[in-house]
PDB file of all heavy atoms in Angstrom:
ATOM      1  N   ALA A   1     121.767 168.297  42.487  1.00  0.00           N
ATOM      2  CA  ALA A   1     120.737 167.423  41.908  1.00  0.00           C
ATOM      3  C   ALA A   1     120.571 166.162  42.748  1.00  0.00           C
ATOM      4  O   ALA A   1     119.444 165.725  43.010  1.00  0.00           O
ATOM      5  CB  ALA A   1     121.101 167.068  40.467  1.00  0.00           C
ATOM      6  N   ASN A   2     121.684 165.591  43.187  1.00  0.00           N
ATOM      7  CA  ASN A   2     121.620 164.391  44.039  1.00  0.00           C
ATOM      8  C   ASN A   2     120.917 164.704  45.357  1.00  0.00           C
ATOM      9  O   ASN A   2     120.134 163.888  45.863  1.00  0.00           O
ATOM     10  CB  ASN A   2     123.013 163.827  44.293  1.00  0.00           C
ATOM     11  CG  ASN A   2     123.551 163.089  43.095  1.00  0.00           C
ATOM     12  OD1 ASN A   2     122.797 162.612  42.254  1.00  0.00           O
ATOM     13  ND2 ASN A   2     124.866 162.988  42.998  1.00  0.00           N
ATOM     14  N   ASN A   3     121.186 165.867  45.908  1.00  0.00           N
ATOM     15  CA  ASN A   3     120.535 166.270  47.151  1.00  0.00           C
ATOM     16  C   ASN A   3     119.035 166.444  46.931  1.00  0.00           C
ATOM     17  O   ASN A   3     118.219 166.025  47.762  1.00  0.00           O
ATOM     18  CB  ASN A   3     121.164 167.556  47.687  1.00  0.00           C
ATOM     19  CG  ASN A   3     120.745 167.843  49.103  1.00  0.00           C
ATOM     20  OD1 ASN A   3     120.671 166.933  49.929  1.00  0.00           O
ATOM     21  ND2 ASN A   3     120.451 169.097  49.393  1.00  0.00           N
ATOM     22  N   SER A   4     118.665 167.034  45.804  1.00  0.00           N
ATOM     23  CA  SER A   4     117.243 167.197  45.479  1.00  0.00           C
ATOM     24  C   SER A   4     116.566 165.843  45.338  1.00  0.00           C
ATOM     25  O   SER A   4     115.453 165.642  45.830  1.00  0.00           O
ATOM     26  CB  SER A   4     117.071 167.986  44.176  1.00  0.00           C
ATOM     27  OG  SER A   4     117.479 169.317  44.353  1.00  0.00           O
ATOM     28  N   ILE A   5     117.239 164.927  44.674  1.00  0.00           N
ATOM     29  CA  ILE A   5     116.688 163.577  44.505  1.00  0.00           C
ATOM     30  C   ILE A   5     116.508 162.915  45.864  1.00  0.00           C
ATOM     31  O   ILE A   5     115.470 162.296  46.136  1.00  0.00           O
ATOM     32  CB  ILE A   5     117.588 162.727  43.592  1.00  0.00           C
ATOM     33  CG1 ILE A   5     117.494 163.241  42.152  1.00  0.00           C
ATOM     34  CG2 ILE A   5     117.229 161.254  43.663  1.00  0.00           C
ATOM     35  CD1 ILE A   5     118.525 162.668  41.210  1.00  0.00           C
ATOM     36  N   LYS A   6     117.486 163.063  46.728  1.00  0.00           N
ATOM     37  CA  LYS A   6     117.403 162.484  48.076  1.00  0.00           C
ATOM     38  C   LYS A   6     116.208 163.066  48.826  1.00  0.00           C
ATOM     39  O   LYS A   6     115.425 162.322  49.435  1.00  0.00           O
ATOM     40  CB  LYS A   6     118.698 162.779  48.843  1.00  0.00           C
ATOM     41  CG  LYS A   6     118.730 162.231  50.236  1.00  0.00           C
ATOM     42  CD  LYS A   6     120.044 162.612  50.928  1.00  0.00           C
ATOM     43  CE  LYS A   6     120.020 162.230  52.390  1.00  0.00           C
ATOM     44  NZ  LYS A   6     121.214 162.690  53.099  1.00  0.00           N
ATOM     45  N   ASN A   7     116.042 164.384  48.753  1.00  0.00           N
ATOM     46  CA  ASN A   7     114.915 165.028  49.434  1.00  0.00           C
ATOM     47  C   ASN A   7     113.580 164.603  48.834  1.00  0.00           C
ATOM     48  O   ASN A   7     112.604 164.364  49.559  1.00  0.00           O
ATOM     49  CB  ASN A   7     115.053 166.551  49.375  1.00  0.00           C
ATOM     50  CG  ASN A   7     116.197 167.062  50.230  1.00  0.00           C
ATOM     51  OD1 ASN A   7     116.649 166.386  51.154  1.00  0.00           O
ATOM     52  ND2 ASN A   7     116.686 168.237  49.912  1.00  0.00           N
ATOM     53  N   LEU A   8     113.526 164.504  47.509  1.00  0.00           N
ATOM     54  CA  LEU A   8     112.284 164.078  46.859  1.00  0.00           C
ATOM     55  C   LEU A   8     111.945 162.629  47.206  1.00  0.00           C
ATOM     56  O   LEU A   8     110.768 162.292  47.401  1.00  0.00           O
ATOM     57  CB  LEU A   8     112.397 164.256  45.340  1.00  0.00           C
ATOM     58  CG  LEU A   8     112.401 165.708  44.861  1.00  0.00           C
ATOM     59  CD1 LEU A   8     112.746 165.777  43.383  1.00  0.00           C
ATOM     60  CD2 LEU A   8     111.069 166.387  45.140  1.00  0.00           C
ATOM     61  N   ASN A   9     112.965 161.786  47.298  1.00  0.00           N
ATOM     62  CA  ASN A   9     112.722 160.395  47.693  1.00  0.00           C
ATOM     63  C   ASN A   9     112.169 160.321  49.115  1.00  0.00           C
ATOM     64  O   ASN A   9     111.268 159.533  49.395  1.00  0.00           O
ATOM     65  CB  ASN A   9     113.997 159.563  47.572  1.00  0.00           C
ATOM     66  CG  ASN A   9     114.288 159.162  46.142  1.00  0.00           C
ATOM     67  OD1 ASN A   9     113.387 159.086  45.311  1.00  0.00           O
ATOM     68  ND2 ASN A   9     115.542 158.910  45.837  1.00  0.00           N
ATOM     69  N   ALA A  10     112.704 161.150  49.999  1.00  0.00           N
ATOM     70  CA  ALA A  10     112.201 161.179  51.377  1.00  0.00           C
ATOM     71  C   ALA A  10     110.754 161.674  51.395  1.00  0.00           C
ATOM     72  O   ALA A  10     109.911 161.117  52.109  1.00  0.00           O
ATOM     73  CB  ALA A  10     113.078 162.077  52.242  1.00  0.00           C
ATOM     74  N   THR A  11     110.460 162.689  50.596  1.00  0.00           N
ATOM     75  CA  THR A  11     109.093 163.209  50.516  1.00  0.00           C
ATOM     76  C   THR A  11     108.154 162.158  49.944  1.00  0.00           C
ATOM     77  O   THR A  11     107.032 161.985  50.425  1.00  0.00           O
ATOM     78  CB  THR A  11     109.064 164.487  49.649  1.00  0.00           C
ATOM     79  OG1 THR A  11     109.933 165.458  50.234  1.00  0.00           O
ATOM     80  CG2 THR A  11     107.672 165.049  49.537  1.00  0.00           C
ATOM     81  N   LEU A  12     108.613 161.455  48.928  1.00  0.00           N
ATOM     82  CA  LEU A  12     107.802 160.395  48.319  1.00  0.00           C
ATOM     83  C   LEU A  12     107.523 159.280  49.325  1.00  0.00           C
ATOM     84  O   LEU A  12     106.385 158.798  49.425  1.00  0.00           O
ATOM     85  CB  LEU A  12     108.517 159.832  47.090  1.00  0.00           C
ATOM     86  CG  LEU A  12     107.812 158.720  46.329  1.00  0.00           C
ATOM     87  CD1 LEU A  12     106.449 159.196  45.827  1.00  0.00           C
ATOM     88  CD2 LEU A  12     108.657 158.245  45.168  1.00  0.00           C
ATOM     89  N   LYS A  13     108.525 158.902  50.095  1.00  0.00           N
ATOM     90  CA  LYS A  13     108.334 157.857  51.107  1.00  0.00           C
ATOM     91  C   LYS A  13     107.303 158.307  52.134  1.00  0.00           C
ATOM     92  O   LYS A  13     106.409 157.546  52.511  1.00  0.00           O
ATOM     93  CB  LYS A  13     109.662 157.537  51.793  1.00  0.00           C
ATOM     94  CG  LYS A  13     109.571 156.417  52.792  1.00  0.00           C
ATOM     95  CD  LYS A  13     110.924 156.088  53.402  1.00  0.00           C
ATOM     96  CE  LYS A  13     110.785 154.960  54.411  1.00  0.00           C
ATOM     97  NZ  LYS A  13     112.050 154.627  55.044  1.00  0.00           N
ATOM     98  N   TYR A  14     107.407 159.558  52.571  1.00  0.00           N
ATOM     99  CA  TYR A  14     106.447 160.112  53.526  1.00  0.00           C
ATOM    100  C   TYR A  14     105.032 160.104  52.931  1.00  0.00           C
ATOM    101  O   TYR A  14     104.070 159.705  53.592  1.00  0.00           O
ATOM    102  CB  TYR A  14     106.864 161.536  53.908  1.00  0.00           C
ATOM    103  CG  TYR A  14     105.885 162.258  54.797  1.00  0.00           C
ATOM    104  CD1 TYR A  14     105.851 162.002  56.163  1.00  0.00           C
ATOM    105  CD2 TYR A  14     104.990 163.183  54.271  1.00  0.00           C
ATOM    106  CE1 TYR A  14     104.954 162.664  56.987  1.00  0.00           C
ATOM    107  CE2 TYR A  14     104.088 163.848  55.087  1.00  0.00           C
ATOM    108  CZ  TYR A  14     104.073 163.590  56.437  1.00  0.00           C
ATOM    109  OH  TYR A  14     103.171 164.235  57.247  1.00  0.00           O
ATOM    110  N   ALA A  15     104.930 160.517  51.669  1.00  0.00           N
ATOM    111  CA  ALA A  15     103.621 160.547  51.002  1.00  0.00           C
ATOM    112  C   ALA A  15     103.040 159.137  50.877  1.00  0.00           C
ATOM    113  O   ALA A  15     101.830 158.943  51.067  1.00  0.00           O
ATOM    114  CB  ALA A  15     103.738 161.199  49.631  1.00  0.00           C
ATOM    115  N   GLU A  16     103.888 158.177  50.573  1.00  0.00           N
ATOM    116  CA  GLU A  16     103.419 156.789  50.463  1.00  0.00           C
ATOM    117  C   GLU A  16     102.913 156.279  51.814  1.00  0.00           C
ATOM    118  O   GLU A  16     101.899 155.590  51.886  1.00  0.00           O
ATOM    119  CB  GLU A  16     104.541 155.890  49.943  1.00  0.00           C
ATOM    120  CG  GLU A  16     104.852 156.090  48.476  1.00  0.00           C
ATOM    121  CD  GLU A  16     106.076 155.341  48.000  1.00  0.00           C
ATOM    122  OE1 GLU A  16     106.916 154.915  48.844  1.00  0.00           O
ATOM    123  OE2 GLU A  16     106.219 155.186  46.778  1.00  0.00           O
ATOM    124  N   GLU A  17     103.627 156.624  52.889  1.00  0.00           N
ATOM    125  CA  GLU A  17     103.186 156.222  54.228  1.00  0.00           C
ATOM    126  C   GLU A  17     101.834 156.847  54.557  1.00  0.00           C
ATOM    127  O   GLU A  17     100.930 156.183  55.074  1.00  0.00           O
ATOM    128  CB  GLU A  17     104.224 156.623  55.279  1.00  0.00           C
ATOM    129  CG  GLU A  17     105.502 155.817  55.217  1.00  0.00           C
ATOM    130  CD  GLU A  17     106.605 156.368  56.126  1.00  0.00           C
ATOM    131  OE1 GLU A  17     106.377 157.384  56.818  1.00  0.00           O
ATOM    132  OE2 GLU A  17     107.698 155.780  56.118  1.00  0.00           O
ATOM    133  N   LYS A  18     101.700 158.141  54.252  1.00  0.00           N
ATOM    134  CA  LYS A  18     100.435 158.834  54.522  1.00  0.00           C
ATOM    135  C   LYS A  18      99.312 158.265  53.667  1.00  0.00           C
ATOM    136  O   LYS A  18      98.172 158.145  54.126  1.00  0.00           O
ATOM    137  CB  LYS A  18     100.578 160.346  54.288  1.00  0.00           C
ATOM    138  CG  LYS A  18     101.441 161.023  55.330  1.00  0.00           C
ATOM    139  CD  LYS A  18     100.822 160.884  56.703  1.00  0.00           C
ATOM    140  CE  LYS A  18     101.668 161.500  57.781  1.00  0.00           C
ATOM    141  NZ  LYS A  18     101.110 161.321  59.115  1.00  0.00           N
ATOM    142  N   ALA A  19      99.616 157.910  52.425  1.00  0.00           N
ATOM    143  CA  ALA A  19      98.601 157.312  51.553  1.00  0.00           C
ATOM    144  C   ALA A  19      98.137 155.967  52.117  1.00  0.00           C
ATOM    145  O   ALA A  19      96.938 155.653  52.095  1.00  0.00           O
ATOM    146  CB  ALA A  19      99.141 157.145  50.136  1.00  0.00           C
ATOM    147  N   GLY A  20      99.086 155.195  52.644  1.00  0.00           N
ATOM    148  CA  GLY A  20      98.730 153.917  53.271  1.00  0.00           C
ATOM    149  C   GLY A  20      97.827 154.126  54.481  1.00  0.00           C
ATOM    150  O   GLY A  20      96.844 153.399  54.666  1.00  0.00           O
ATOM    151  N   GLN A  21      98.164 155.133  55.292  1.00  0.00           N
ATOM    152  CA  GLN A  21      97.322 155.448  56.450  1.00  0.00           C
ATOM    153  C   GLN A  21      95.939 155.897  55.994  1.00  0.00           C
ATOM    154  O   GLN A  21      94.920 155.504  56.580  1.00  0.00           O
ATOM    155  CB  GLN A  21      97.972 156.539  57.300  1.00  0.00           C
ATOM    156  CG  GLN A  21      99.236 156.090  58.005  1.00  0.00           C
ATOM    157  CD  GLN A  21      99.949 157.243  58.701  1.00  0.00           C
ATOM    158  OE1 GLN A  21      99.503 158.381  58.672  1.00  0.00           O
ATOM    159  NE2 GLN A  21     101.082 156.945  59.330  1.00  0.00           N
ATOM    160  N   ALA A  22      95.898 156.707  54.953  1.00  0.00           N
ATOM    161  CA  ALA A  22      94.612 157.189  54.429  1.00  0.00           C
ATOM    162  C   ALA A  22      93.788 156.025  53.903  1.00  0.00           C
ATOM    163  O   ALA A  22      92.565 155.968  54.127  1.00  0.00           O
ATOM    164  CB  ALA A  22      94.834 158.226  53.333  1.00  0.00           C
ATOM    165  N   ASP A  23      94.424 155.081  53.230  1.00  0.00           N
ATOM    166  CA  ASP A  23      93.704 153.907  52.725  1.00  0.00           C
ATOM    167  C   ASP A  23      93.070 153.118  53.864  1.00  0.00           C
ATOM    168  O   ASP A  23      91.924 152.672  53.763  1.00  0.00           O
ATOM    169  CB  ASP A  23      94.650 152.993  51.935  1.00  0.00           C
ATOM    170  CG  ASP A  23      95.012 153.552  50.569  1.00  0.00           C
ATOM    171  OD1 ASP A  23      94.330 154.486  50.100  1.00  0.00           O
ATOM    172  OD2 ASP A  23      95.984 153.049  49.964  1.00  0.00           O
ATOM    173  N   LYS A  24      93.820 152.969  54.961  1.00  0.00           N
ATOM    174  CA  LYS A  24      93.275 152.249  56.118  1.00  0.00           C
ATOM    175  C   LYS A  24      92.083 152.998  56.696  1.00  0.00           C
ATOM    176  O   LYS A  24      91.069 152.390  57.046  1.00  0.00           O
ATOM    177  CB  LYS A  24      94.354 152.070  57.188  1.00  0.00           C
ATOM    178  CG  LYS A  24      95.406 151.045  56.817  1.00  0.00           C
ATOM    179  CD  LYS A  24      96.470 150.947  57.900  1.00  0.00           C
ATOM    180  CE  LYS A  24      97.581 149.997  57.471  1.00  0.00           C
ATOM    181  NZ  LYS A  24      98.662 149.931  58.464  1.00  0.00           N
ATOM    182  N   LEU A  25      92.200 154.307  56.799  1.00  0.00           N
ATOM    183  CA  LEU A  25      91.096 155.104  57.341  1.00  0.00           C
ATOM    184  C   LEU A  25      89.871 155.041  56.433  1.00  0.00           C
ATOM    185  O   LEU A  25      88.734 154.957  56.913  1.00  0.00           O
ATOM    186  CB  LEU A  25      91.535 156.552  57.558  1.00  0.00           C
ATOM    187  CG  LEU A  25      92.571 156.768  58.663  1.00  0.00           C
ATOM    188  CD1 LEU A  25      93.061 158.209  58.653  1.00  0.00           C
ATOM    189  CD2 LEU A  25      91.994 156.412  60.023  1.00  0.00           C
ATOM    190  N   VAL A  26      90.097 155.065  55.142  1.00  0.00           N
ATOM    191  CA  VAL A  26      88.983 154.970  54.192  1.00  0.00           C
ATOM    192  C   VAL A  26      88.313 153.609  54.335  1.00  0.00           C
ATOM    193  O   VAL A  26      87.068 153.519  54.324  1.00  0.00           O
ATOM    194  CB  VAL A  26      89.465 155.211  52.745  1.00  0.00           C
ATOM    195  CG1 VAL A  26      88.408 154.812  51.740  1.00  0.00           C
ATOM    196  CG2 VAL A  26      89.851 156.672  52.558  1.00  0.00           C
ATOM    197  N   ALA A  27      89.100 152.560  54.477  1.00  0.00           N
ATOM    198  CA  ALA A  27      88.529 151.216  54.642  1.00  0.00           C
ATOM    199  C   ALA A  27      87.679 151.151  55.916  1.00  0.00           C
ATOM    200  O   ALA A  27      86.577 150.575  55.913  1.00  0.00           O
ATOM    201  CB  ALA A  27      89.634 150.164  54.678  1.00  0.00           C
ATOM    202  N   GLU A  28      88.175 151.759  56.995  1.00  0.00           N
ATOM    203  CA  GLU A  28      87.394 151.796  58.241  1.00  0.00           C
ATOM    204  C   GLU A  28      86.103 152.587  58.047  1.00  0.00           C
ATOM    205  O   GLU A  28      85.035 152.184  58.525  1.00  0.00           O
ATOM    206  CB  GLU A  28      88.214 152.435  59.363  1.00  0.00           C
ATOM    207  CG  GLU A  28      89.353 151.589  59.867  1.00  0.00           C
ATOM    208  CD  GLU A  28      90.191 152.305  60.921  1.00  0.00           C
ATOM    209  OE1 GLU A  28      89.701 153.260  61.546  1.00  0.00           O
ATOM    210  OE2 GLU A  28      91.344 151.899  61.109  1.00  0.00           O
ATOM    211  N   LEU A  29      86.193 153.689  57.343  1.00  0.00           N
ATOM    212  CA  LEU A  29      85.016 154.517  57.085  1.00  0.00           C
ATOM    213  C   LEU A  29      84.001 153.766  56.243  1.00  0.00           C
ATOM    214  O   LEU A  29      82.797 153.834  56.520  1.00  0.00           O
ATOM    215  CB  LEU A  29      85.436 155.812  56.388  1.00  0.00           C
ATOM    216  CG  LEU A  29      84.354 156.845  56.143  1.00  0.00           C
ATOM    217  CD1 LEU A  29      83.675 157.261  57.453  1.00  0.00           C
ATOM    218  CD2 LEU A  29      84.923 158.063  55.445  1.00  0.00           C
ATOM    219  N   VAL A  30      84.457 153.046  55.250  1.00  0.00           N
ATOM    220  CA  VAL A  30      83.547 152.245  54.415  1.00  0.00           C
ATOM    221  C   VAL A  30      82.812 151.224  55.278  1.00  0.00           C
ATOM    222  O   VAL A  30      81.598 151.040  55.145  1.00  0.00           O
ATOM    223  CB  VAL A  30      84.319 151.567  53.262  1.00  0.00           C
ATOM    224  CG1 VAL A  30      83.486 150.486  52.593  1.00  0.00           C
ATOM    225  CG2 VAL A  30      84.759 152.605  52.235  1.00  0.00           C
ATOM    226  N   LYS A  31      83.533 150.577  56.187  1.00  0.00           N
ATOM    227  CA  LYS A  31      82.893 149.606  57.083  1.00  0.00           C
ATOM    228  C   LYS A  31      81.844 150.283  57.955  1.00  0.00           C
ATOM    229  O   LYS A  31      80.752 149.742  58.162  1.00  0.00           O
ATOM    230  CB  LYS A  31      83.936 148.915  57.967  1.00  0.00           C
ATOM    231  CG  LYS A  31      84.786 147.911  57.229  1.00  0.00           C
ATOM    232  CD  LYS A  31      85.813 147.283  58.163  1.00  0.00           C
ATOM    233  CE  LYS A  31      86.744 146.359  57.416  1.00  0.00           C
ATOM    234  NZ  LYS A  31      87.769 145.786  58.299  1.00  0.00           N
ATOM    235  N   GLU A  32      82.186 151.456  58.485  1.00  0.00           N
ATOM    236  CA  GLU A  32      81.229 152.187  59.316  1.00  0.00           C
ATOM    237  C   GLU A  32      79.993 152.589  58.517  1.00  0.00           C
ATOM    238  O   GLU A  32      78.867 152.520  59.024  1.00  0.00           O
ATOM    239  CB  GLU A  32      81.885 153.423  59.932  1.00  0.00           C
ATOM    240  CG  GLU A  32      82.904 153.113  61.001  1.00  0.00           C
ATOM    241  CD  GLU A  32      82.291 152.465  62.237  1.00  0.00           C
ATOM    242  OE1 GLU A  32      81.180 152.872  62.632  1.00  0.00           O
ATOM    243  OE2 GLU A  32      82.918 151.553  62.796  1.00  0.00           O
ATOM    244  N   ILE A  33      80.202 153.009  57.283  1.00  0.00           N
ATOM    245  CA  ILE A  33      79.065 153.395  56.429  1.00  0.00           C
ATOM    246  C   ILE A  33      78.201 152.182  56.127  1.00  0.00           C
ATOM    247  O   ILE A  33      76.956 152.267  56.187  1.00  0.00           O
ATOM    248  CB  ILE A  33      79.564 154.059  55.124  1.00  0.00           C
ATOM    249  CG1 ILE A  33      80.146 155.433  55.440  1.00  0.00           C
ATOM    250  CG2 ILE A  33      78.449 154.165  54.096  1.00  0.00           C
ATOM    251  CD1 ILE A  33      80.875 156.081  54.280  1.00  0.00           C
ATOM    252  N   GLN A  34      78.819 151.059  55.848  1.00  0.00           N
ATOM    253  CA  GLN A  34      78.059 149.837  55.588  1.00  0.00           C
ATOM    254  C   GLN A  34      77.250 149.436  56.823  1.00  0.00           C
ATOM    255  O   GLN A  34      76.078 149.046  56.716  1.00  0.00           O
ATOM    256  CB  GLN A  34      78.991 148.699  55.163  1.00  0.00           C
ATOM    257  CG  GLN A  34      79.580 148.896  53.784  1.00  0.00           C
ATOM    258  CD  GLN A  34      80.675 147.895  53.452  1.00  0.00           C
ATOM    259  OE1 GLN A  34      81.246 147.248  54.344  1.00  0.00           O
ATOM    260  NE2 GLN A  34      80.987 147.779  52.170  1.00  0.00           N
ATOM    261  N   LYS A  35      77.874 149.556  57.976  1.00  0.00           N
ATOM    262  CA  LYS A  35      77.192 149.234  59.234  1.00  0.00           C
ATOM    263  C   LYS A  35      76.002 150.182  59.436  1.00  0.00           C
ATOM    264  O   LYS A  35      74.899 149.742  59.787  1.00  0.00           O
ATOM    265  CB  LYS A  35      78.179 149.357  60.399  1.00  0.00           C
ATOM    266  CG  LYS A  35      77.600 149.024  61.740  1.00  0.00           C
ATOM    267  CD  LYS A  35      78.671 149.179  62.819  1.00  0.00           C
ATOM    268  CE  LYS A  35      78.086 149.042  64.207  1.00  0.00           C
ATOM    269  NZ  LYS A  35      79.088 149.285  65.258  1.00  0.00           N
ATOM    270  N   ALA A  36      76.242 151.473  59.206  1.00  0.00           N
ATOM    271  CA  ALA A  36      75.163 152.452  59.362  1.00  0.00           C
ATOM    272  C   ALA A  36      74.041 152.190  58.368  1.00  0.00           C
ATOM    273  O   ALA A  36      72.850 152.297  58.715  1.00  0.00           O
ATOM    274  CB  ALA A  36      75.710 153.863  59.186  1.00  0.00           C
ATOM    275  N   ASN A  37      74.380 151.837  57.147  1.00  0.00           N
ATOM    276  CA  ASN A  37      73.361 151.537  56.134  1.00  0.00           C
ATOM    277  C   ASN A  37      72.511 150.330  56.541  1.00  0.00           C
ATOM    278  O   ASN A  37      71.288 150.322  56.334  1.00  0.00           O
ATOM    279  CB  ASN A  37      73.997 151.300  54.769  1.00  0.00           C
ATOM    280  CG  ASN A  37      74.443 152.579  54.110  1.00  0.00           C
ATOM    281  OD1 ASN A  37      73.977 153.663  54.445  1.00  0.00           O
ATOM    282  ND2 ASN A  37      75.370 152.476  53.158  1.00  0.00           N
ATOM    283  N   LYS A  38      73.138 149.326  57.127  1.00  0.00           N
ATOM    284  CA  LYS A  38      72.384 148.152  57.602  1.00  0.00           C
ATOM    285  C   LYS A  38      71.432 148.545  58.731  1.00  0.00           C
ATOM    286  O   LYS A  38      70.292 148.091  58.788  1.00  0.00           O
ATOM    287  CB  LYS A  38      73.336 147.054  58.072  1.00  0.00           C
ATOM    288  CG  LYS A  38      74.029 146.336  56.934  1.00  0.00           C
ATOM    289  CD  LYS A  38      74.979 145.262  57.449  1.00  0.00           C
ATOM    290  CE  LYS A  38      75.708 144.619  56.296  1.00  0.00           C
ATOM    291  NZ  LYS A  38      76.681 143.614  56.731  1.00  0.00           N
TER     292      LYS A  38
END
């Protein structure tokens, strides 16, 4: 169980990092869309 928790925590950390990267990409895309709309 402890090993599973350790693995899940590592997976969660990875997912959080990817979510942060995705948020940055979405923010860049929103800026590009706003620029294109102008």
